[in-house]
């Protein structure tokens, strides 16, 4: 997987923000861009399945459970998952709710009522509407797909706690803004909000 910081839809925005934005240029140097490690993820069935597995888990726990699920379905395909018993999936570490979500996703992809590869042809709002129609996928999940899989350049997720904490830090706010407040604050970066999001996340790693 390639690094988002080097993607042609994102790199110019990162450089512009660090050079010209009154908040980011105080917080970052151009060299800091090279430390942004977020990666471009393929827009695939497997990526959506992994999103379900990782919900509300630490990175380490999610990776462990994902490894077990992969072993159950090799190669990892919707029809393989649909043939597995719920007990097997739960034994791998999935909650009952996540089993339902994974089956729903697998059924949608297998029946072609949901085709991840066709999302790239849709507008941002249509992508969000299509993804949130799936069980277990809210607006935050859809916005992450827009950023990391489809690499849309102007996406900000008010529901992401890390971004809200980043706003507090970079803008030197007295407290973390609410979801609605953060969306309004991010409007200062319209046209570059995906790059701004990467910088806000990265700000949390700076001492």
N, C-alpha and C. Protein backbone atom coordinates (compact mmCIF):
# COMPACT_ATOMS: atom_id res chain seq x y z
N UNK A 1 0.84 -1.20 0.00
CA UNK A 1 0.00 0.00 0.00
C UNK A 1 0.87 1.25 0.00
N UNK A 2 0.52 2.23 -0.82
CA UNK A 2 1.31 3.45 -0.93
C UNK A 2 0.93 4.44 0.17
N UNK A 3 1.82 5.36 0.44
CA UNK A 3 1.59 6.37 1.47
C UNK A 3 0.75 7.51 0.89
N UNK A 4 -0.25 7.92 1.65
CA UNK A 4 -1.13 8.99 1.19
C UNK A 4 -0.39 10.31 1.00
N UNK A 5 0.66 10.52 1.80
CA UNK A 5 1.38 11.80 1.72
C UNK A 5 1.99 12.02 0.34
N UNK A 6 2.21 10.92 -0.41
CA UNK A 6 2.83 11.03 -1.73
C UNK A 6 1.82 10.99 -2.88
N UNK A 7 0.55 10.83 -2.56
CA UNK A 7 -0.46 10.74 -3.61
C UNK A 7 -0.62 12.10 -4.29
N UNK A 8 -0.70 12.13 -5.62
CA UNK A 8 -0.80 13.41 -6.33
C UNK A 8 -2.04 14.23 -5.99
N UNK A 9 -3.07 13.60 -5.43
CA UNK A 9 -4.26 14.34 -5.03
C UNK A 9 -4.11 14.97 -3.65
N UNK A 10 -3.07 14.54 -2.91
CA UNK A 10 -2.90 14.97 -1.53
C UNK A 10 -1.63 15.78 -1.30
N UNK A 11 -0.53 15.39 -1.92
CA UNK A 11 0.77 16.02 -1.64
C UNK A 11 0.77 17.54 -1.84
N UNK A 12 0.23 18.06 -2.95
CA UNK A 12 0.23 19.52 -3.11
C UNK A 12 -0.53 20.24 -2.00
N UNK A 13 -1.62 19.63 -1.53
CA UNK A 13 -2.40 20.23 -0.45
C UNK A 13 -1.60 20.26 0.85
N UNK A 14 -0.89 19.18 1.15
CA UNK A 14 -0.06 19.14 2.35
C UNK A 14 0.99 20.25 2.31
N UNK A 15 1.66 20.38 1.18
CA UNK A 15 2.71 21.39 1.07
C UNK A 15 2.14 22.80 1.16
N UNK A 16 0.97 23.01 0.55
CA UNK A 16 0.32 24.32 0.60
C UNK A 16 -0.08 24.70 2.02
N UNK A 17 -0.67 23.74 2.73
CA UNK A 17 -1.13 24.03 4.09
C UNK A 17 0.04 24.34 5.03
N UNK A 18 1.09 23.54 4.95
CA UNK A 18 2.24 23.75 5.84
C UNK A 18 2.95 25.06 5.51
N UNK A 19 2.87 25.48 4.26
CA UNK A 19 3.57 26.70 3.84
C UNK A 19 2.74 27.96 4.08
N UNK A 20 1.40 27.87 3.94
CA UNK A 20 0.60 29.09 3.92
C UNK A 20 -0.43 29.22 5.04
N UNK A 21 -0.90 28.12 5.61
CA UNK A 21 -1.93 28.23 6.64
C UNK A 21 -1.33 28.76 7.95
N UNK A 22 -1.97 29.73 8.55
CA UNK A 22 -1.38 30.40 9.71
C UNK A 22 -1.26 29.48 10.93
N UNK A 23 -2.06 28.43 10.98
CA UNK A 23 -1.98 27.49 12.09
C UNK A 23 -0.97 26.38 11.82
N UNK A 24 -1.09 25.78 10.65
CA UNK A 24 -0.21 24.65 10.34
C UNK A 24 1.26 25.08 10.19
N UNK A 25 1.51 26.27 9.64
CA UNK A 25 2.90 26.66 9.43
C UNK A 25 3.61 26.97 10.75
N UNK A 26 2.85 27.23 11.80
CA UNK A 26 3.45 27.40 13.12
C UNK A 26 3.73 26.05 13.78
N UNK A 27 2.96 25.05 13.38
CA UNK A 27 3.04 23.74 14.03
C UNK A 27 3.95 22.77 13.31
N UNK A 28 4.09 22.92 11.99
CA UNK A 28 4.85 21.97 11.18
C UNK A 28 5.90 22.66 10.31
N UNK A 29 6.91 21.89 9.96
CA UNK A 29 7.87 22.27 8.93
C UNK A 29 7.62 21.36 7.72
N UNK A 30 8.14 21.75 6.58
CA UNK A 30 7.94 20.94 5.38
C UNK A 30 8.45 19.51 5.59
N UNK A 31 9.54 19.35 6.33
CA UNK A 31 10.09 18.02 6.57
C UNK A 31 9.14 17.12 7.35
N UNK A 32 8.23 17.73 8.12
CA UNK A 32 7.29 16.93 8.92
C UNK A 32 6.35 16.11 8.04
N UNK A 33 6.13 16.56 6.83
CA UNK A 33 5.24 15.84 5.92
C UNK A 33 5.74 14.41 5.70
N UNK A 34 7.07 14.25 5.67
CA UNK A 34 7.65 12.94 5.40
C UNK A 34 7.39 11.93 6.52
N UNK A 35 6.94 12.40 7.67
CA UNK A 35 6.68 11.50 8.80
C UNK A 35 5.23 11.03 8.86
N UNK A 36 4.40 11.51 7.96
CA UNK A 36 2.98 11.11 7.95
C UNK A 36 2.87 9.71 7.36
N UNK A 37 2.42 8.76 8.16
CA UNK A 37 2.48 7.34 7.76
C UNK A 37 1.16 6.75 7.27
N UNK A 38 0.10 7.54 7.19
CA UNK A 38 -1.19 7.00 6.74
C UNK A 38 -1.08 6.45 5.32
N UNK A 39 -1.75 5.31 5.12
CA UNK A 39 -1.59 4.61 3.85
C UNK A 39 -2.89 4.56 3.03
N UNK A 40 -2.69 4.50 1.74
CA UNK A 40 -3.79 4.35 0.79
C UNK A 40 -4.22 2.88 0.79
N UNK A 41 -5.48 2.63 1.10
CA UNK A 41 -5.99 1.27 1.17
C UNK A 41 -6.84 0.96 -0.08
N UNK A 42 -6.74 -0.22 -0.63
CA UNK A 42 -7.58 -0.55 -1.79
C UNK A 42 -9.05 -0.60 -1.40
N UNK A 43 -9.90 -0.17 -2.32
CA UNK A 43 -11.35 -0.19 -2.07
C UNK A 43 -11.88 -1.56 -2.48
N UNK A 44 -11.89 -2.48 -1.53
CA UNK A 44 -12.21 -3.87 -1.83
C UNK A 44 -13.10 -4.49 -0.75
N UNK A 45 -13.65 -5.65 -1.07
CA UNK A 45 -14.43 -6.40 -0.09
C UNK A 45 -13.62 -6.67 1.16
N UNK A 46 -12.38 -7.06 0.98
CA UNK A 46 -11.52 -7.38 2.12
C UNK A 46 -11.31 -6.16 3.02
N UNK A 47 -11.14 -5.00 2.41
CA UNK A 47 -10.94 -3.78 3.19
C UNK A 47 -12.18 -3.46 4.03
N UNK A 48 -13.35 -3.65 3.46
CA UNK A 48 -14.59 -3.40 4.21
C UNK A 48 -14.75 -4.42 5.33
N UNK A 49 -14.41 -5.66 5.06
CA UNK A 49 -14.50 -6.69 6.08
C UNK A 49 -13.55 -6.38 7.23
N UNK A 50 -12.37 -5.93 6.89
CA UNK A 50 -11.39 -5.60 7.93
C UNK A 50 -11.87 -4.41 8.77
N UNK A 51 -12.59 -3.49 8.16
CA UNK A 51 -13.15 -2.36 8.90
C UNK A 51 -14.11 -2.85 9.98
N UNK A 52 -14.93 -3.82 9.63
CA UNK A 52 -15.87 -4.39 10.59
C UNK A 52 -15.12 -5.04 11.75
N UNK A 53 -14.14 -5.84 11.42
CA UNK A 53 -13.36 -6.55 12.44
C UNK A 53 -12.71 -5.57 13.40
N UNK A 54 -12.22 -4.45 12.88
CA UNK A 54 -11.46 -3.52 13.70
C UNK A 54 -12.26 -2.50 14.49
N UNK A 55 -13.57 -2.48 14.31
CA UNK A 55 -14.37 -1.48 15.01
C UNK A 55 -14.25 -1.61 16.53
N UNK A 56 -13.93 -0.48 17.18
CA UNK A 56 -13.86 -0.38 18.65
C UNK A 56 -12.82 -1.32 19.27
N UNK A 57 -11.76 -1.60 18.53
CA UNK A 57 -10.68 -2.44 19.04
C UNK A 57 -9.35 -1.72 18.88
N UNK A 58 -8.38 -2.09 19.69
CA UNK A 58 -7.03 -1.58 19.49
C UNK A 58 -6.47 -2.16 18.20
N UNK A 59 -5.45 -1.50 17.66
CA UNK A 59 -4.83 -1.98 16.43
C UNK A 59 -4.32 -3.40 16.59
N UNK A 60 -3.71 -3.69 17.73
CA UNK A 60 -3.13 -5.02 17.97
C UNK A 60 -4.22 -6.09 18.05
N UNK A 61 -5.28 -5.82 18.81
CA UNK A 61 -6.37 -6.79 18.95
C UNK A 61 -7.05 -7.03 17.60
N UNK A 62 -7.26 -5.95 16.86
CA UNK A 62 -7.91 -6.08 15.55
C UNK A 62 -7.07 -6.94 14.61
N UNK A 63 -5.75 -6.75 14.62
CA UNK A 63 -4.87 -7.52 13.75
C UNK A 63 -4.90 -9.01 14.11
N UNK A 64 -4.96 -9.30 15.40
CA UNK A 64 -5.00 -10.69 15.85
C UNK A 64 -6.27 -11.39 15.38
N UNK A 65 -7.40 -10.73 15.57
CA UNK A 65 -8.68 -11.32 15.18
C UNK A 65 -8.79 -11.41 13.66
N UNK A 66 -8.30 -10.39 12.97
CA UNK A 66 -8.33 -10.43 11.51
C UNK A 66 -7.53 -11.61 10.98
N UNK A 67 -6.40 -11.89 11.59
CA UNK A 67 -5.59 -13.03 11.17
C UNK A 67 -6.35 -14.34 11.32
N UNK A 68 -7.10 -14.47 12.41
CA UNK A 68 -7.90 -15.69 12.62
C UNK A 68 -9.01 -15.81 11.59
N UNK A 69 -9.67 -14.69 11.30
CA UNK A 69 -10.77 -14.72 10.32
C UNK A 69 -10.24 -15.08 8.94
N UNK A 70 -9.09 -14.54 8.60
CA UNK A 70 -8.47 -14.86 7.30
C UNK A 70 -8.18 -16.35 7.15
N UNK A 71 -7.74 -16.96 8.25
CA UNK A 71 -7.43 -18.39 8.21
C UNK A 71 -8.69 -19.22 7.98
N UNK A 72 -9.83 -18.72 8.47
CA UNK A 72 -11.09 -19.45 8.29
C UNK A 72 -11.57 -19.40 6.85
N UNK A 73 -11.27 -18.30 6.17
CA UNK A 73 -11.73 -18.13 4.79
C UNK A 73 -10.54 -17.85 3.89
N UNK A 74 -9.99 -18.90 3.34
CA UNK A 74 -8.82 -18.77 2.48
C UNK A 74 -9.07 -19.47 1.16
N UNK A 75 -9.17 -18.73 0.04
CA UNK A 75 -8.99 -17.28 -0.11
C UNK A 75 -10.16 -16.51 0.49
N UNK A 76 -9.91 -15.24 0.85
CA UNK A 76 -10.93 -14.45 1.52
C UNK A 76 -11.94 -13.94 0.50
N UNK A 77 -13.10 -14.60 0.45
CA UNK A 77 -14.15 -14.26 -0.50
C UNK A 77 -15.50 -14.28 0.21
N UNK A 78 -16.49 -13.53 -0.29
CA UNK A 78 -17.81 -13.51 0.34
C UNK A 78 -18.42 -14.90 0.51
N UNK A 79 -18.30 -15.74 -0.53
CA UNK A 79 -18.94 -17.06 -0.45
C UNK A 79 -18.29 -17.94 0.62
N UNK A 80 -17.01 -17.71 0.88
CA UNK A 80 -16.32 -18.47 1.93
C UNK A 80 -16.87 -18.08 3.30
N UNK A 81 -17.04 -16.79 3.51
CA UNK A 81 -17.58 -16.32 4.79
C UNK A 81 -19.01 -16.81 4.98
N UNK A 82 -19.80 -16.74 3.93
CA UNK A 82 -21.21 -17.14 4.04
C UNK A 82 -21.37 -18.62 4.37
N UNK A 83 -20.38 -19.42 4.03
CA UNK A 83 -20.45 -20.86 4.32
C UNK A 83 -20.04 -21.18 5.76
N UNK A 84 -19.39 -20.26 6.43
CA UNK A 84 -18.94 -20.50 7.80
C UNK A 84 -20.10 -20.40 8.80
N UNK A 85 -20.01 -21.17 9.86
CA UNK A 85 -21.01 -21.09 10.91
C UNK A 85 -20.70 -19.90 11.83
N UNK A 86 -21.77 -19.35 12.41
CA UNK A 86 -21.59 -18.23 13.34
C UNK A 86 -20.62 -18.60 14.46
N UNK A 87 -20.72 -19.84 14.92
CA UNK A 87 -19.87 -20.27 16.04
C UNK A 87 -18.39 -20.18 15.68
N UNK A 88 -18.06 -20.48 14.44
CA UNK A 88 -16.66 -20.42 14.00
C UNK A 88 -16.16 -18.98 13.99
N UNK A 89 -17.00 -18.08 13.51
CA UNK A 89 -16.61 -16.67 13.46
C UNK A 89 -16.50 -16.08 14.85
N UNK A 90 -17.38 -16.48 15.75
CA UNK A 90 -17.32 -15.98 17.12
C UNK A 90 -16.10 -16.55 17.84
N UNK A 91 -15.76 -17.78 17.53
CA UNK A 91 -14.57 -18.39 18.14
C UNK A 91 -13.30 -17.67 17.69
N UNK A 92 -13.34 -17.05 16.51
CA UNK A 92 -12.20 -16.29 16.02
C UNK A 92 -12.05 -14.96 16.73
N UNK A 93 -13.12 -14.56 17.44
CA UNK A 93 -13.04 -13.32 18.21
C UNK A 93 -14.06 -12.26 17.84
N UNK A 94 -14.93 -12.56 16.87
CA UNK A 94 -15.94 -11.58 16.48
C UNK A 94 -17.12 -11.62 17.45
N UNK A 95 -17.65 -10.44 17.75
CA UNK A 95 -18.86 -10.37 18.56
C UNK A 95 -20.05 -10.82 17.72
N UNK A 96 -21.16 -11.11 18.37
CA UNK A 96 -22.36 -11.51 17.63
C UNK A 96 -22.79 -10.44 16.65
N UNK A 97 -22.66 -9.16 17.05
CA UNK A 97 -23.05 -8.06 16.19
C UNK A 97 -22.15 -7.97 14.97
N UNK A 98 -20.86 -8.19 15.16
CA UNK A 98 -19.93 -8.12 14.03
C UNK A 98 -20.14 -9.28 13.07
N UNK A 99 -20.55 -10.43 13.58
CA UNK A 99 -20.87 -11.55 12.70
C UNK A 99 -22.02 -11.17 11.78
N UNK A 100 -23.03 -10.50 12.36
CA UNK A 100 -24.18 -10.05 11.56
C UNK A 100 -23.72 -9.06 10.50
N UNK A 101 -22.86 -8.11 10.89
CA UNK A 101 -22.37 -7.11 9.95
C UNK A 101 -21.56 -7.75 8.82
N UNK A 102 -20.69 -8.70 9.19
CA UNK A 102 -19.84 -9.35 8.19
C UNK A 102 -20.67 -10.18 7.22
N UNK A 103 -21.69 -10.84 7.73
CA UNK A 103 -22.57 -11.62 6.84
C UNK A 103 -23.34 -10.68 5.92
N UNK A 104 -23.81 -9.57 6.46
CA UNK A 104 -24.55 -8.61 5.63
C UNK A 104 -23.69 -8.06 4.50
N UNK A 105 -22.45 -7.71 4.84
CA UNK A 105 -21.51 -7.22 3.82
C UNK A 105 -21.26 -8.31 2.78
N UNK A 106 -21.01 -9.51 3.25
CA UNK A 106 -20.68 -10.63 2.34
C UNK A 106 -21.84 -10.94 1.40
N UNK A 107 -23.05 -10.90 1.93
CA UNK A 107 -24.24 -11.15 1.11
C UNK A 107 -24.41 -10.05 0.06
N UNK A 108 -24.17 -8.80 0.47
CA UNK A 108 -24.33 -7.67 -0.45
C UNK A 108 -23.31 -7.74 -1.58
N UNK A 109 -22.06 -8.09 -1.26
CA UNK A 109 -21.03 -8.18 -2.29
C UNK A 109 -21.26 -9.39 -3.18
N UNK A 110 -21.62 -10.52 -2.56
CA UNK A 110 -21.86 -11.75 -3.34
C UNK A 110 -23.01 -11.58 -4.32
N UNK A 111 -24.05 -10.87 -3.90
CA UNK A 111 -25.23 -10.66 -4.76
C UNK A 111 -25.08 -9.46 -5.69
N UNK A 112 -23.95 -8.76 -5.53
CA UNK A 112 -23.64 -7.56 -6.32
C UNK A 112 -24.61 -6.40 -6.07
N UNK A 113 -25.26 -6.39 -4.91
CA UNK A 113 -26.05 -5.21 -4.52
C UNK A 113 -25.13 -4.14 -3.95
N UNK A 114 -23.92 -4.55 -3.59
CA UNK A 114 -22.88 -3.59 -3.18
C UNK A 114 -21.59 -3.99 -3.87
N UNK A 115 -21.05 -3.06 -4.67
CA UNK A 115 -19.83 -3.33 -5.44
C UNK A 115 -18.79 -2.26 -5.11
N UNK A 116 -17.85 -2.57 -4.21
CA UNK A 116 -16.86 -1.59 -3.77
C UNK A 116 -16.12 -0.89 -4.90
N UNK A 117 -15.81 -1.65 -5.96
CA UNK A 117 -15.01 -1.09 -7.05
C UNK A 117 -15.76 0.00 -7.83
N UNK A 118 -17.09 0.06 -7.68
CA UNK A 118 -17.87 1.07 -8.40
C UNK A 118 -18.02 2.37 -7.62
N UNK A 119 -17.56 2.39 -6.38
CA UNK A 119 -17.69 3.60 -5.56
C UNK A 119 -16.92 4.77 -6.15
N UNK A 120 -15.82 4.47 -6.85
CA UNK A 120 -14.98 5.55 -7.38
C UNK A 120 -15.71 6.41 -8.40
N UNK A 121 -16.82 5.90 -8.95
CA UNK A 121 -17.58 6.65 -9.94
C UNK A 121 -18.62 7.57 -9.30
N UNK A 122 -18.81 7.46 -7.97
CA UNK A 122 -19.85 8.21 -7.28
C UNK A 122 -19.31 9.49 -6.65
N UNK A 123 -20.22 10.44 -6.42
CA UNK A 123 -19.86 11.66 -5.69
C UNK A 123 -19.61 11.31 -4.23
N UNK A 124 -19.00 12.22 -3.49
CA UNK A 124 -18.71 11.97 -2.08
C UNK A 124 -19.99 11.62 -1.31
N UNK A 125 -21.03 12.41 -1.50
CA UNK A 125 -22.27 12.17 -0.74
C UNK A 125 -22.94 10.87 -1.17
N UNK A 126 -22.85 10.52 -2.44
CA UNK A 126 -23.42 9.24 -2.89
C UNK A 126 -22.63 8.06 -2.33
N UNK A 127 -21.32 8.23 -2.18
CA UNK A 127 -20.50 7.18 -1.55
C UNK A 127 -20.96 6.98 -0.11
N UNK A 128 -21.15 8.08 0.61
CA UNK A 128 -21.59 8.00 2.00
C UNK A 128 -22.96 7.33 2.09
N UNK A 129 -23.86 7.71 1.21
CA UNK A 129 -25.21 7.12 1.23
C UNK A 129 -25.16 5.62 0.93
N UNK A 130 -24.32 5.22 -0.02
CA UNK A 130 -24.22 3.80 -0.40
C UNK A 130 -23.63 2.97 0.73
N UNK A 131 -22.57 3.47 1.36
CA UNK A 131 -21.90 2.71 2.42
C UNK A 131 -22.74 2.63 3.68
N UNK A 132 -23.39 3.74 4.04
CA UNK A 132 -24.18 3.73 5.28
C UNK A 132 -25.46 2.91 5.15
N UNK A 133 -25.78 2.49 3.94
CA UNK A 133 -26.92 1.59 3.76
C UNK A 133 -26.58 0.17 4.23
N UNK A 134 -25.28 -0.12 4.38
CA UNK A 134 -24.85 -1.42 4.88
C UNK A 134 -24.95 -1.46 6.40
N UNK A 135 -25.33 -2.58 6.95
CA UNK A 135 -25.37 -2.73 8.40
C UNK A 135 -23.95 -2.65 8.96
N UNK A 136 -23.80 -1.85 10.00
CA UNK A 136 -22.50 -1.76 10.66
C UNK A 136 -21.59 -0.67 10.14
N UNK A 137 -22.04 0.08 9.13
CA UNK A 137 -21.22 1.15 8.56
C UNK A 137 -21.94 2.49 8.73
N UNK A 138 -21.37 3.35 9.56
CA UNK A 138 -21.91 4.69 9.74
C UNK A 138 -21.17 5.70 8.90
N UNK A 139 -21.47 6.97 9.14
CA UNK A 139 -20.86 8.04 8.36
C UNK A 139 -19.34 8.07 8.53
N UNK A 140 -18.86 7.82 9.76
CA UNK A 140 -17.42 7.84 9.99
C UNK A 140 -16.72 6.82 9.09
N UNK A 141 -17.26 5.59 9.03
CA UNK A 141 -16.66 4.55 8.18
C UNK A 141 -16.63 4.98 6.72
N UNK A 142 -17.72 5.60 6.28
CA UNK A 142 -17.79 6.04 4.89
C UNK A 142 -16.77 7.15 4.61
N UNK A 143 -16.61 8.04 5.57
CA UNK A 143 -15.63 9.12 5.39
C UNK A 143 -14.20 8.59 5.35
N UNK A 144 -13.94 7.54 6.12
CA UNK A 144 -12.61 6.93 6.07
C UNK A 144 -12.36 6.28 4.71
N UNK A 145 -13.39 5.69 4.12
CA UNK A 145 -13.27 5.12 2.77
C UNK A 145 -12.96 6.23 1.76
N UNK A 146 -13.67 7.35 1.89
CA UNK A 146 -13.44 8.47 0.99
C UNK A 146 -11.99 8.95 1.07
N UNK A 147 -11.46 9.01 2.29
CA UNK A 147 -10.09 9.48 2.46
C UNK A 147 -9.05 8.46 2.02
N UNK A 148 -9.15 7.26 2.59
CA UNK A 148 -8.04 6.30 2.48
C UNK A 148 -8.13 5.36 1.29
N UNK A 149 -9.33 5.11 0.78
CA UNK A 149 -9.47 4.20 -0.36
C UNK A 149 -9.67 4.98 -1.66
N UNK A 150 -10.55 5.97 -1.63
CA UNK A 150 -10.87 6.71 -2.84
C UNK A 150 -10.01 7.97 -2.99
N UNK A 151 -9.31 8.34 -1.94
CA UNK A 151 -8.39 9.49 -1.93
C UNK A 151 -9.08 10.75 -2.46
N UNK A 152 -10.24 11.04 -1.90
CA UNK A 152 -10.91 12.30 -2.24
C UNK A 152 -10.23 13.42 -1.45
N UNK A 153 -9.96 14.55 -2.07
CA UNK A 153 -9.10 15.56 -1.45
C UNK A 153 -9.76 16.49 -0.43
N UNK A 154 -11.07 16.45 -0.32
CA UNK A 154 -11.74 17.44 0.53
C UNK A 154 -12.71 16.79 1.51
N UNK A 155 -12.19 15.90 2.36
CA UNK A 155 -13.02 15.16 3.31
C UNK A 155 -12.57 15.45 4.74
N UNK A 156 -13.52 15.70 5.61
CA UNK A 156 -13.24 15.87 7.03
C UNK A 156 -14.33 15.13 7.80
N UNK A 157 -13.94 14.41 8.86
CA UNK A 157 -14.89 13.64 9.65
C UNK A 157 -15.05 14.24 11.04
N UNK A 158 -16.16 14.92 11.25
CA UNK A 158 -16.42 15.51 12.56
C UNK A 158 -16.61 14.48 13.65
N UNK A 159 -16.91 13.25 13.26
CA UNK A 159 -17.13 12.20 14.25
C UNK A 159 -15.85 11.54 14.73
N UNK A 160 -14.70 11.95 14.20
CA UNK A 160 -13.44 11.33 14.57
C UNK A 160 -12.83 12.08 15.76
N UNK A 161 -12.68 11.39 16.88
CA UNK A 161 -12.15 12.01 18.09
C UNK A 161 -10.72 12.51 17.91
N UNK A 162 -9.93 11.77 17.15
CA UNK A 162 -8.55 12.17 16.92
C UNK A 162 -8.48 13.51 16.18
N UNK A 163 -9.35 13.70 15.19
CA UNK A 163 -9.36 14.96 14.45
C UNK A 163 -9.81 16.10 15.35
N UNK A 164 -10.77 15.84 16.20
CA UNK A 164 -11.24 16.88 17.11
C UNK A 164 -10.17 17.25 18.14
N UNK A 165 -9.43 16.24 18.59
CA UNK A 165 -8.32 16.52 19.51
C UNK A 165 -7.21 17.28 18.79
N UNK A 166 -6.99 16.93 17.52
CA UNK A 166 -6.00 17.64 16.72
C UNK A 166 -6.38 19.11 16.53
N UNK A 167 -7.66 19.38 16.32
CA UNK A 167 -8.13 20.76 16.20
C UNK A 167 -7.85 21.54 17.48
N UNK A 168 -8.13 20.90 18.60
CA UNK A 168 -7.88 21.54 19.88
C UNK A 168 -6.41 21.92 20.00
N UNK A 169 -5.54 21.02 19.59
CA UNK A 169 -4.10 21.24 19.75
C UNK A 169 -3.57 22.28 18.76
N UNK A 170 -3.89 22.12 17.50
CA UNK A 170 -3.34 23.01 16.47
C UNK A 170 -3.92 24.42 16.56
N UNK A 171 -5.23 24.51 16.84
CA UNK A 171 -5.86 25.82 16.92
C UNK A 171 -5.78 26.42 18.33
N UNK A 172 -5.17 25.67 19.25
CA UNK A 172 -5.00 26.11 20.64
C UNK A 172 -6.34 26.47 21.28
N UNK A 173 -7.28 25.53 21.18
CA UNK A 173 -8.62 25.73 21.75
C UNK A 173 -8.61 25.31 23.22
N UNK A 174 -9.47 25.90 24.06
CA UNK A 174 -9.50 25.55 25.48
C UNK A 174 -10.04 24.14 25.73
N UNK A 175 -10.84 23.61 24.82
CA UNK A 175 -11.37 22.25 24.97
C UNK A 175 -11.64 21.64 23.60
N UNK A 176 -11.81 20.33 23.60
CA UNK A 176 -12.06 19.62 22.34
C UNK A 176 -13.41 20.07 21.76
N UNK A 177 -13.46 20.46 20.50
CA UNK A 177 -14.73 20.90 19.90
C UNK A 177 -15.69 19.72 19.70
N UNK A 178 -16.97 20.03 19.63
CA UNK A 178 -17.97 19.00 19.36
C UNK A 178 -17.89 18.60 17.90
N UNK A 179 -18.65 17.57 17.54
CA UNK A 179 -18.67 17.12 16.15
C UNK A 179 -19.07 18.25 15.22
N UNK A 180 -20.16 18.94 15.55
CA UNK A 180 -20.65 20.02 14.69
C UNK A 180 -19.67 21.19 14.67
N UNK A 181 -19.12 21.52 15.82
CA UNK A 181 -18.16 22.62 15.89
C UNK A 181 -16.92 22.33 15.05
N UNK A 182 -16.46 21.08 15.09
CA UNK A 182 -15.24 20.72 14.36
C UNK A 182 -15.45 20.82 12.85
N UNK A 183 -16.64 20.45 12.38
CA UNK A 183 -16.93 20.56 10.95
C UNK A 183 -16.88 22.02 10.51
N UNK A 184 -17.42 22.91 11.35
CA UNK A 184 -17.38 24.35 11.04
C UNK A 184 -15.94 24.86 11.05
N UNK A 185 -15.17 24.47 12.05
CA UNK A 185 -13.78 24.91 12.15
C UNK A 185 -12.96 24.46 10.94
N UNK A 186 -13.25 23.24 10.46
CA UNK A 186 -12.48 22.69 9.32
C UNK A 186 -12.82 23.35 8.00
N UNK A 187 -13.87 24.15 7.97
CA UNK A 187 -14.24 24.83 6.73
C UNK A 187 -13.15 25.80 6.28
N UNK A 188 -12.27 26.19 7.19
CA UNK A 188 -11.16 27.10 6.81
C UNK A 188 -10.24 26.42 5.81
N UNK A 189 -10.32 25.08 5.72
CA UNK A 189 -9.42 24.35 4.82
C UNK A 189 -10.18 23.73 3.64
N UNK A 190 -11.33 24.27 3.30
CA UNK A 190 -12.12 23.73 2.18
C UNK A 190 -11.24 23.59 0.94
N UNK A 191 -11.37 22.44 0.31
CA UNK A 191 -10.56 22.11 -0.86
C UNK A 191 -9.34 21.28 -0.51
N UNK A 192 -8.95 21.34 0.79
CA UNK A 192 -7.75 20.63 1.25
C UNK A 192 -8.03 19.86 2.54
N UNK A 193 -9.27 19.52 2.80
CA UNK A 193 -9.61 18.98 4.13
C UNK A 193 -9.07 17.58 4.40
N UNK A 194 -8.83 16.79 3.37
CA UNK A 194 -8.20 15.48 3.61
C UNK A 194 -6.76 15.67 4.08
N UNK A 195 -6.01 16.53 3.41
CA UNK A 195 -4.65 16.83 3.83
C UNK A 195 -4.63 17.45 5.23
N UNK A 196 -5.58 18.34 5.50
CA UNK A 196 -5.67 18.94 6.83
C UNK A 196 -5.92 17.87 7.88
N UNK A 197 -6.73 16.89 7.54
CA UNK A 197 -7.01 15.78 8.48
C UNK A 197 -5.74 15.00 8.78
N UNK A 198 -4.95 14.72 7.75
CA UNK A 198 -3.68 14.00 7.96
C UNK A 198 -2.76 14.79 8.90
N UNK A 199 -2.73 16.09 8.72
CA UNK A 199 -1.89 16.93 9.57
C UNK A 199 -2.42 16.98 11.00
N UNK A 200 -3.73 17.04 11.14
CA UNK A 200 -4.32 17.06 12.49
C UNK A 200 -4.03 15.75 13.23
N UNK A 201 -4.18 14.62 12.54
CA UNK A 201 -3.84 13.33 13.17
C UNK A 201 -2.36 13.30 13.54
N UNK A 202 -1.53 13.78 12.64
CA UNK A 202 -0.09 13.75 12.88
C UNK A 202 0.31 14.68 14.03
N UNK A 203 -0.45 15.73 14.24
CA UNK A 203 -0.13 16.67 15.33
C UNK A 203 -0.17 15.99 16.69
N UNK A 204 -0.93 14.93 16.81
CA UNK A 204 -1.06 14.23 18.09
C UNK A 204 0.21 13.45 18.43
N UNK A 205 1.07 13.24 17.44
CA UNK A 205 2.31 12.50 17.68
C UNK A 205 3.49 13.43 17.98
N UNK A 206 3.28 14.73 17.81
CA UNK A 206 4.36 15.68 18.06
C UNK A 206 4.39 16.07 19.53
N UNK A 207 5.58 16.13 20.11
CA UNK A 207 5.72 16.49 21.52
C UNK A 207 5.92 17.99 21.68
